[in-house]
Amino acid sequence: MPAIAAVLIGGTSLFGGLGSVAGTLIGALILTLVLNGMNLLHVNASWQPLVTGIIVILAVWIDTRTRRLGEQKST
Protein backbone atom coordinates (compact mmCIF):
# COMPACT_ATOMS: atom_id res chain seq x y z
CA MET A 1 0.00 0.00 0.00
CA PRO A 2 2.73 2.56 0.77
CA ALA A 3 4.41 1.89 -2.59
CA ILE A 4 1.17 2.44 -4.48
CA ALA A 5 0.48 5.54 -2.42
CA ALA A 6 3.93 6.95 -3.21
CA VAL A 7 3.42 6.39 -6.93
CA LEU A 8 -0.02 7.99 -6.89
CA ILE A 9 1.11 10.98 -4.84
CA GLY A 10 3.99 11.36 -7.29
CA GLY A 11 1.52 11.95 -10.11
CA THR A 12 1.19 8.61 -11.87
CA SER A 13 -2.40 7.84 -12.82
CA LEU A 14 -4.17 4.63 -11.87
CA PHE A 15 -6.00 4.84 -15.19
CA GLY A 16 -2.93 4.69 -17.40
CA GLY A 17 -0.57 7.35 -18.53
CA LEU A 18 2.94 8.37 -17.76
CA GLY A 19 4.76 8.75 -14.50
CA SER A 20 8.27 9.64 -13.59
CA VAL A 21 10.84 8.35 -11.19
CA ALA A 22 11.30 11.85 -9.80
CA GLY A 23 7.57 12.14 -9.13
CA THR A 24 7.56 8.78 -7.38
CA LEU A 25 10.50 9.84 -5.21
CA ILE A 26 8.69 13.05 -4.27
CA GLY A 27 5.57 11.04 -3.48
CA ALA A 28 7.57 8.67 -1.29
CA LEU A 29 9.16 11.64 0.48
CA ILE A 30 5.76 13.24 1.17
CA LEU A 31 4.30 9.97 2.44
CA THR A 32 7.34 9.36 4.65
CA LEU A 33 7.10 12.87 6.09
CA VAL A 34 3.42 12.40 6.91
CA LEU A 35 3.94 9.03 8.57
CA ASN A 36 7.05 10.21 10.43
CA GLY A 37 5.16 13.31 11.59
CA MET A 38 2.42 11.06 12.93
CA ASN A 39 5.05 9.07 14.85
CA LEU A 40 6.57 12.24 16.28
CA LEU A 41 3.11 13.41 17.38
CA HIS A 42 2.59 10.04 19.10
CA VAL A 43 -0.39 9.13 16.93
CA ASN A 44 -1.41 5.50 17.41
CA ALA A 45 0.21 3.27 14.77
CA SER A 46 -3.14 1.73 13.87
CA TRP A 47 -4.21 5.07 12.36
CA GLN A 48 -1.32 5.18 9.88
CA PRO A 49 -2.87 2.79 7.31
CA LEU A 50 -6.08 4.81 7.49
CA VAL A 51 -4.20 8.03 6.75
CA THR A 52 -2.33 6.31 3.90
CA GLY A 53 -5.64 5.13 2.47
CA ILE A 54 -7.12 8.62 2.71
CA ILE A 55 -4.08 10.01 0.90
CA VAL A 56 -4.51 7.40 -1.86
CA ILE A 57 -8.21 8.23 -2.20
CA LEU A 58 -7.41 11.95 -2.42
CA ALA A 59 -4.72 11.34 -5.04
CA VAL A 60 -7.10 9.26 -7.18
CA TRP A 61 -9.87 11.84 -6.76
CA ILE A 62 -7.56 14.68 -7.84
CA ASP A 63 -6.37 12.64 -10.83
CA THR A 64 -9.95 11.84 -11.86
CA ARG A 65 -10.97 15.47 -11.47
CA THR A 66 -8.09 16.78 -13.56
CA ARG A 67 -8.76 14.18 -16.29
CA ARG A 68 -12.41 15.24 -16.49
CA LEU A 69 -11.46 18.90 -16.70
CA GLY A 70 -8.93 18.10 -19.42
CA GLU A 71 -11.54 16.19 -21.42
CA GLN A 72 -14.04 19.04 -21.13
CA LYS A 73 -11.52 21.59 -22.38
CA SER A 74 -10.59 19.46 -25.40
CA THR A 75 -14.18 19.14 -26.60
PDB file of N, CA and C in Angstrom:
ATOM      1  N   MET A   1       0.811  -1.193   0.000  1.00  0.00           N
ATOM      2  CA  MET A   1       0.000   0.000   0.000  1.00  0.00           C
ATOM      3  C   MET A   1       0.862   1.267   0.000  1.00  0.00           C
ATOM      4  N   PRO A   2       1.918   1.342   0.812  1.00  0.00           N
ATOM      5  CA  PRO A   2       2.734   2.563   0.766  1.00  0.00           C
ATOM      6  C   PRO A   2       3.401   2.787  -0.587  1.00  0.00           C
ATOM      7  N   ALA A   3       3.775   1.718  -1.272  1.00  0.00           N
ATOM      8  CA  ALA A   3       4.407   1.885  -2.585  1.00  0.00           C
ATOM      9  C   ALA A   3       3.412   2.440  -3.591  1.00  0.00           C
ATOM     10  N   ILE A   4       2.196   1.925  -3.576  1.00  0.00           N
ATOM     11  CA  ILE A   4       1.166   2.437  -4.483  1.00  0.00           C
ATOM     12  C   ILE A   4       0.842   3.876  -4.130  1.00  0.00           C
ATOM     13  N   ALA A   5       0.752   4.172  -2.845  1.00  0.00           N
ATOM     14  CA  ALA A   5       0.476   5.539  -2.417  1.00  0.00           C
ATOM     15  C   ALA A   5       1.569   6.497  -2.884  1.00  0.00           C
ATOM     16  N   ALA A   6       2.818   6.091  -2.778  1.00  0.00           N
ATOM     17  CA  ALA A   6       3.926   6.954  -3.207  1.00  0.00           C
ATOM     18  C   ALA A   6       3.852   7.228  -4.703  1.00  0.00           C
ATOM     19  N   VAL A   7       3.520   6.212  -5.485  1.00  0.00           N
ATOM     20  CA  VAL A   7       3.423   6.391  -6.934  1.00  0.00           C
ATOM     21  C   VAL A   7       2.267   7.324  -7.284  1.00  0.00           C
ATOM     22  N   LEU A   8       1.140   7.149  -6.614  1.00  0.00           N
ATOM     23  CA  LEU A   8      -0.021   7.995  -6.894  1.00  0.00           C
ATOM     24  C   LEU A   8       0.205   9.434  -6.459  1.00  0.00           C
ATOM     25  N   ILE A   9       0.806   9.624  -5.304  1.00  0.00           N
ATOM     26  CA  ILE A   9       1.111  10.979  -4.840  1.00  0.00           C
ATOM     27  C   ILE A   9       2.108  11.635  -5.790  1.00  0.00           C
ATOM     28  N   GLY A  10       2.987  10.840  -6.358  1.00  0.00           N
ATOM     29  CA  GLY A  10       3.986  11.357  -7.290  1.00  0.00           C
ATOM     30  C   GLY A  10       3.420  11.756  -8.639  1.00  0.00           C
ATOM     31  N   GLY A  11       2.156  11.465  -8.893  1.00  0.00           N
ATOM     32  CA  GLY A  11       1.524  11.955 -10.111  1.00  0.00           C
ATOM     33  C   GLY A  11       1.216  10.908 -11.161  1.00  0.00           C
ATOM     34  N   THR A  12       1.521   9.654 -10.915  1.00  0.00           N
ATOM     35  CA  THR A  12       1.188   8.611 -11.874  1.00  0.00           C
ATOM     36  C   THR A  12      -0.285   8.261 -11.725  1.00  0.00           C
ATOM     37  N   SER A  13      -0.972   8.108 -12.847  1.00  0.00           N
ATOM     38  CA  SER A  13      -2.400   7.844 -12.820  1.00  0.00           C
ATOM     39  C   SER A  13      -2.676   6.352 -12.679  1.00  0.00           C
ATOM     40  N   LEU A  14      -3.721   6.013 -11.954  1.00  0.00           N
ATOM     41  CA  LEU A  14      -4.167   4.628 -11.871  1.00  0.00           C
ATOM     42  C   LEU A  14      -4.811   4.177 -13.174  1.00  0.00           C
ATOM     43  N   PHE A  15      -5.253   5.124 -13.974  1.00  0.00           N
ATOM     44  CA  PHE A  15      -6.004   4.843 -15.186  1.00  0.00           C
ATOM     45  C   PHE A  15      -5.137   4.839 -16.433  1.00  0.00           C
ATOM     46  N   GLY A  16      -3.848   4.699 -16.268  1.00  0.00           N
ATOM     47  CA  GLY A  16      -2.933   4.690 -17.398  1.00  0.00           C
ATOM     48  C   GLY A  16      -2.293   6.045 -17.578  1.00  0.00           C
ATOM     49  N   GLY A  17      -1.264   6.089 -18.315  1.00  0.00           N
ATOM     50  CA  GLY A  17      -0.571   7.348 -18.525  1.00  0.00           C
ATOM     51  C   GLY A  17       0.880   7.225 -18.129  1.00  0.00           C
ATOM     52  N   LEU A  18       1.517   8.342 -18.041  1.00  0.00           N
ATOM     53  CA  LEU A  18       2.945   8.368 -17.765  1.00  0.00           C
ATOM     54  C   LEU A  18       3.217   8.839 -16.348  1.00  0.00           C
ATOM     55  N   GLY A  19       4.261   8.310 -15.789  1.00  0.00           N
ATOM     56  CA  GLY A  19       4.758   8.753 -14.505  1.00  0.00           C
ATOM     57  C   GLY A  19       6.257   8.918 -14.603  1.00  0.00           C
ATOM     58  N   SER A  20       6.828   9.450 -13.568  1.00  0.00           N
ATOM     59  CA  SER A  20       8.274   9.642 -13.592  1.00  0.00           C
ATOM     60  C   SER A  20       8.882   9.133 -12.300  1.00  0.00           C
ATOM     61  N   VAL A  21      10.129   8.799 -12.369  1.00  0.00           N
ATOM     62  CA  VAL A  21      10.844   8.345 -11.189  1.00  0.00           C
ATOM     63  C   VAL A  21      10.954   9.489 -10.185  1.00  0.00           C
ATOM     64  N   ALA A  22      11.190  10.691 -10.690  1.00  0.00           N
ATOM     65  CA  ALA A  22      11.301  11.847  -9.797  1.00  0.00           C
ATOM     66  C   ALA A  22       9.981  12.091  -9.065  1.00  0.00           C
ATOM     67  N   GLY A  23       8.871  11.970  -9.766  1.00  0.00           N
ATOM     68  CA  GLY A  23       7.567  12.140  -9.131  1.00  0.00           C
ATOM     69  C   GLY A  23       7.326  11.091  -8.064  1.00  0.00           C
ATOM     70  N   THR A  24       7.715   9.858  -8.352  1.00  0.00           N
ATOM     71  CA  THR A  24       7.558   8.778  -7.376  1.00  0.00           C
ATOM     72  C   THR A  24       8.423   9.033  -6.150  1.00  0.00           C
ATOM     73  N   LEU A  25       9.632   9.517  -6.351  1.00  0.00           N
ATOM     74  CA  LEU A  25      10.504   9.839  -5.210  1.00  0.00           C
ATOM     75  C   LEU A  25       9.908  10.955  -4.365  1.00  0.00           C
ATOM     76  N   ILE A  26       9.337  11.964  -5.009  1.00  0.00           N
ATOM     77  CA  ILE A  26       8.689  13.047  -4.275  1.00  0.00           C
ATOM     78  C   ILE A  26       7.476  12.518  -3.515  1.00  0.00           C
ATOM     79  N   GLY A  27       6.708  11.650  -4.158  1.00  0.00           N
ATOM     80  CA  GLY A  27       5.571  11.041  -3.481  1.00  0.00           C
ATOM     81  C   GLY A  27       5.993  10.225  -2.272  1.00  0.00           C
ATOM     82  N   ALA A  28       7.067   9.463  -2.415  1.00  0.00           N
ATOM     83  CA  ALA A  28       7.574   8.670  -1.288  1.00  0.00           C
ATOM     84  C   ALA A  28       8.062   9.580  -0.167  1.00  0.00           C
ATOM     85  N   LEU A  29       8.686  10.686  -0.522  1.00  0.00           N
ATOM     86  CA  LEU A  29       9.156  11.642   0.483  1.00  0.00           C
ATOM     87  C   LEU A  29       7.978  12.245   1.238  1.00  0.00           C
ATOM     88  N   ILE A  30       6.941  12.644   0.525  1.00  0.00           N
ATOM     89  CA  ILE A  30       5.764  13.236   1.165  1.00  0.00           C
ATOM     90  C   ILE A  30       5.109  12.217   2.097  1.00  0.00           C
ATOM     91  N   LEU A  31       4.928  11.002   1.619  1.00  0.00           N
ATOM     92  CA  LEU A  31       4.302   9.972   2.444  1.00  0.00           C
ATOM     93  C   LEU A  31       5.148   9.670   3.680  1.00  0.00           C
ATOM     94  N   THR A  32       6.453   9.609   3.523  1.00  0.00           N
ATOM     95  CA  THR A  32       7.341   9.365   4.650  1.00  0.00           C
ATOM     96  C   THR A  32       7.268  10.495   5.667  1.00  0.00           C
ATOM     97  N   LEU A  33       7.210  11.732   5.177  1.00  0.00           N
ATOM     98  CA  LEU A  33       7.098  12.875   6.090  1.00  0.00           C
ATOM     99  C   LEU A  33       5.802  12.841   6.878  1.00  0.00           C
ATOM    100  N   VAL A  34       4.711  12.481   6.220  1.00  0.00           N
ATOM    101  CA  VAL A  34       3.416  12.403   6.911  1.00  0.00           C
ATOM    102  C   VAL A  34       3.449  11.314   7.981  1.00  0.00           C
ATOM    103  N   LEU A  35       3.914  10.130   7.608  1.00  0.00           N
ATOM    104  CA  LEU A  35       3.942   9.028   8.569  1.00  0.00           C
ATOM    105  C   LEU A  35       4.934   9.295   9.707  1.00  0.00           C
ATOM    106  N   ASN A  36       6.080   9.877   9.395  1.00  0.00           N
ATOM    107  CA  ASN A  36       7.054  10.215  10.435  1.00  0.00           C
ATOM    108  C   ASN A  36       6.497  11.299  11.353  1.00  0.00           C
ATOM    109  N   GLY A  37       5.794  12.269  10.774  1.00  0.00           N
ATOM    110  CA  GLY A  37       5.164  13.307  11.589  1.00  0.00           C
ATOM    111  C   GLY A  37       4.129  12.720  12.537  1.00  0.00           C
ATOM    112  N   MET A  38       3.393  11.715  12.054  1.00  0.00           N
ATOM    113  CA  MET A  38       2.422  11.061  12.930  1.00  0.00           C
ATOM    114  C   MET A  38       3.129  10.333  14.072  1.00  0.00           C
ATOM    115  N   ASN A  39       4.269   9.736  13.791  1.00  0.00           N
ATOM    116  CA  ASN A  39       5.048   9.070  14.849  1.00  0.00           C
ATOM    117  C   ASN A  39       5.558  10.083  15.864  1.00  0.00           C
ATOM    118  N   LEU A  40       6.047  11.219  15.382  1.00  0.00           N
ATOM    119  CA  LEU A  40       6.567  12.244  16.284  1.00  0.00           C
ATOM    120  C   LEU A  40       5.470  12.865  17.143  1.00  0.00           C
ATOM    121  N   LEU A  41       4.245  12.885  16.620  1.00  0.00           N
ATOM    122  CA  LEU A  41       3.114  13.412  17.383  1.00  0.00           C
ATOM    123  C   LEU A  41       2.455  12.342  18.254  1.00  0.00           C
ATOM    124  N   HIS A  42       3.060  11.164  18.294  1.00  0.00           N
ATOM    125  CA  HIS A  42       2.586  10.037  19.100  1.00  0.00           C
ATOM    126  C   HIS A  42       1.175   9.611  18.726  1.00  0.00           C
ATOM    127  N   VAL A  43       0.884   9.630  17.419  1.00  0.00           N
ATOM    128  CA  VAL A  43      -0.390   9.128  16.928  1.00  0.00           C
ATOM    129  C   VAL A  43      -0.306   7.605  16.931  1.00  0.00           C
ATOM    130  N   ASN A  44      -1.377   6.961  17.344  1.00  0.00           N
ATOM    131  CA  ASN A  44      -1.412   5.504  17.413  1.00  0.00           C
ATOM    132  C   ASN A  44      -1.086   4.919  16.037  1.00  0.00           C
ATOM    133  N   ALA A  45      -0.256   3.883  16.023  1.00  0.00           N
ATOM    134  CA  ALA A  45       0.206   3.274  14.770  1.00  0.00           C
ATOM    135  C   ALA A  45      -0.930   2.654  13.967  1.00  0.00           C
ATOM    136  N   SER A  46      -2.026   2.316  14.600  1.00  0.00           N
ATOM    137  CA  SER A  46      -3.145   1.731  13.871  1.00  0.00           C
ATOM    138  C   SER A  46      -3.857   2.757  12.984  1.00  0.00           C
ATOM    139  N   TRP A  47      -3.614   4.036  13.197  1.00  0.00           N
ATOM    140  CA  TRP A  47      -4.210   5.074  12.355  1.00  0.00           C
ATOM    141  C   TRP A  47      -3.411   5.323  11.080  1.00  0.00           C
ATOM    142  N   GLN A  48      -2.174   4.899  11.030  1.00  0.00           N
ATOM    143  CA  GLN A  48      -1.321   5.182   9.882  1.00  0.00           C
ATOM    144  C   GLN A  48      -1.831   4.559   8.583  1.00  0.00           C
ATOM    145  N   PRO A  49      -2.305   3.310   8.563  1.00  0.00           N
ATOM    146  CA  PRO A  49      -2.873   2.789   7.307  1.00  0.00           C
ATOM    147  C   PRO A  49      -4.116   3.555   6.863  1.00  0.00           C
ATOM    148  N   LEU A  50      -4.899   4.021   7.825  1.00  0.00           N
ATOM    149  CA  LEU A  50      -6.080   4.811   7.487  1.00  0.00           C
ATOM    150  C   LEU A  50      -5.676   6.115   6.801  1.00  0.00           C
ATOM    151  N   VAL A  51      -4.681   6.773   7.352  1.00  0.00           N
ATOM    152  CA  VAL A  51      -4.203   8.026   6.752  1.00  0.00           C
ATOM    153  C   VAL A  51      -3.612   7.759   5.372  1.00  0.00           C
ATOM    154  N   THR A  52      -2.869   6.669   5.217  1.00  0.00           N
ATOM    155  CA  THR A  52      -2.327   6.307   3.904  1.00  0.00           C
ATOM    156  C   THR A  52      -3.453   6.067   2.914  1.00  0.00           C
ATOM    157  N   GLY A  53      -4.489   5.375   3.338  1.00  0.00           N
ATOM    158  CA  GLY A  53      -5.641   5.133   2.473  1.00  0.00           C
ATOM    159  C   GLY A  53      -6.345   6.418   2.080  1.00  0.00           C
ATOM    160  N   ILE A  54      -6.497   7.329   3.017  1.00  0.00           N
ATOM    161  CA  ILE A  54      -7.124   8.624   2.711  1.00  0.00           C
ATOM    162  C   ILE A  54      -6.284   9.390   1.702  1.00  0.00           C
ATOM    163  N   ILE A  55      -4.966   9.340   1.854  1.00  0.00           N
ATOM    164  CA  ILE A  55      -4.078  10.014   0.905  1.00  0.00           C
ATOM    165  C   ILE A  55      -4.222   9.397  -0.486  1.00  0.00           C
ATOM    166  N   VAL A  56      -4.318   8.072  -0.569  1.00  0.00           N
ATOM    167  CA  VAL A  56      -4.509   7.396  -1.858  1.00  0.00           C
ATOM    168  C   VAL A  56      -5.842   7.811  -2.478  1.00  0.00           C
ATOM    169  N   ILE A  57      -6.898   7.826  -1.684  1.00  0.00           N
ATOM    170  CA  ILE A  57      -8.211   8.230  -2.198  1.00  0.00           C
ATOM    171  C   ILE A  57      -8.177   9.665  -2.700  1.00  0.00           C
ATOM    172  N   LEU A  58      -7.525  10.562  -1.969  1.00  0.00           N
ATOM    173  CA  LEU A  58      -7.406  11.954  -2.420  1.00  0.00           C
ATOM    174  C   LEU A  58      -6.615  12.062  -3.716  1.00  0.00           C
ATOM    175  N   ALA A  59      -5.534  11.293  -3.828  1.00  0.00           N
ATOM    176  CA  ALA A  59      -4.722  11.342  -5.044  1.00  0.00           C
ATOM    177  C   ALA A  59      -5.512  10.845  -6.248  1.00  0.00           C
ATOM    178  N   VAL A  60      -6.283   9.776  -6.076  1.00  0.00           N
ATOM    179  CA  VAL A  60      -7.099   9.256  -7.177  1.00  0.00           C
ATOM    180  C   VAL A  60      -8.201  10.244  -7.525  1.00  0.00           C
ATOM    181  N   TRP A  61      -8.818  10.854  -6.510  1.00  0.00           N
ATOM    182  CA  TRP A  61      -9.872  11.842  -6.756  1.00  0.00           C
ATOM    183  C   TRP A  61      -9.329  13.050  -7.527  1.00  0.00           C
ATOM    184  N   ILE A  62      -8.170  13.537  -7.141  1.00  0.00           N
ATOM    185  CA  ILE A  62      -7.562  14.679  -7.839  1.00  0.00           C
ATOM    186  C   ILE A  62      -7.231  14.302  -9.276  1.00  0.00           C
ATOM    187  N   ASP A  63      -6.698  13.096  -9.476  1.00  0.00           N
ATOM    188  CA  ASP A  63      -6.374  12.643 -10.829  1.00  0.00           C
ATOM    189  C   ASP A  63      -7.630  12.535 -11.686  1.00  0.00           C
ATOM    190  N   THR A  64      -8.692  11.964 -11.125  1.00  0.00           N
ATOM    191  CA  THR A  64      -9.949  11.837 -11.859  1.00  0.00           C
ATOM    192  C   THR A  64     -10.510  13.210 -12.202  1.00  0.00           C
ATOM    193  N   ARG A  65     -10.453  14.103 -11.258  1.00  0.00           N
ATOM    194  CA  ARG A  65     -10.973  15.469 -11.467  1.00  0.00           C
ATOM    195  C   ARG A  65     -10.196  16.188 -12.571  1.00  0.00           C
ATOM    196  N   THR A  66      -8.872  16.093 -12.544  1.00  0.00           N
ATOM    197  CA  THR A  66      -8.086  16.784 -13.564  1.00  0.00           C
ATOM    198  C   THR A  66      -8.286  16.155 -14.939  1.00  0.00           C
ATOM    199  N   ARG A  67      -8.486  14.830 -14.994  1.00  0.00           N
ATOM    200  CA  ARG A  67      -8.762  14.176 -16.289  1.00  0.00           C
ATOM    201  C   ARG A  67     -10.091  14.657 -16.862  1.00  0.00           C
ATOM    202  N   ARG A  68     -11.099  14.774 -16.013  1.00  0.00           N
ATOM    203  CA  ARG A  68     -12.405  15.240 -16.488  1.00  0.00           C
ATOM    204  C   ARG A  68     -12.320  16.685 -16.985  1.00  0.00           C
ATOM    205  N   LEU A  69     -11.601  17.514 -16.257  1.00  0.00           N
ATOM    206  CA  LEU A  69     -11.460  18.903 -16.697  1.00  0.00           C
ATOM    207  C   LEU A  69     -10.693  18.988 -18.006  1.00  0.00           C
ATOM    208  N   GLY A  70      -9.691  18.135 -18.187  1.00  0.00           N
ATOM    209  CA  GLY A  70      -8.930  18.101 -19.419  1.00  0.00           C
ATOM    210  C   GLY A  70      -9.771  17.636 -20.592  1.00  0.00           C
ATOM    211  N   GLU A  71     -10.661  16.676 -20.350  1.00  0.00           N
ATOM    212  CA  GLU A  71     -11.541  16.187 -21.422  1.00  0.00           C
ATOM    213  C   GLU A  71     -12.565  17.251 -21.799  1.00  0.00           C
ATOM    214  N   GLN A  72     -13.052  17.999 -20.844  1.00  0.00           N
ATOM    215  CA  GLN A  72     -14.039  19.038 -21.127  1.00  0.00           C
ATOM    216  C   GLN A  72     -13.421  20.181 -21.942  1.00  0.00           C
ATOM    217  N   LYS A  73     -12.179  20.506 -21.658  1.00  0.00           N
ATOM    218  CA  LYS A  73     -11.519  21.591 -22.381  1.00  0.00           C
ATOM    219  C   LYS A  73     -11.208  21.190 -23.824  1.00  0.00           C
ATOM    220  N   SER A  74     -10.957  19.893 -24.055  1.00  0.00           N
ATOM    221  CA  SER A  74     -10.591  19.460 -25.405  1.00  0.00           C
ATOM    222  C   SER A  74     -11.796  19.303 -26.319  1.00  0.00           C
ATOM    223  N   THR A  75     -12.993  19.280 -25.765  1.00  0.00           N
ATOM    224  CA  THR A  75     -14.179  19.143 -26.604  1.00  0.00           C
ATOM    225  C   THR A  75     -14.794  20.453 -26.961  1.00  0.00           C
TER     226      THR A  75
END
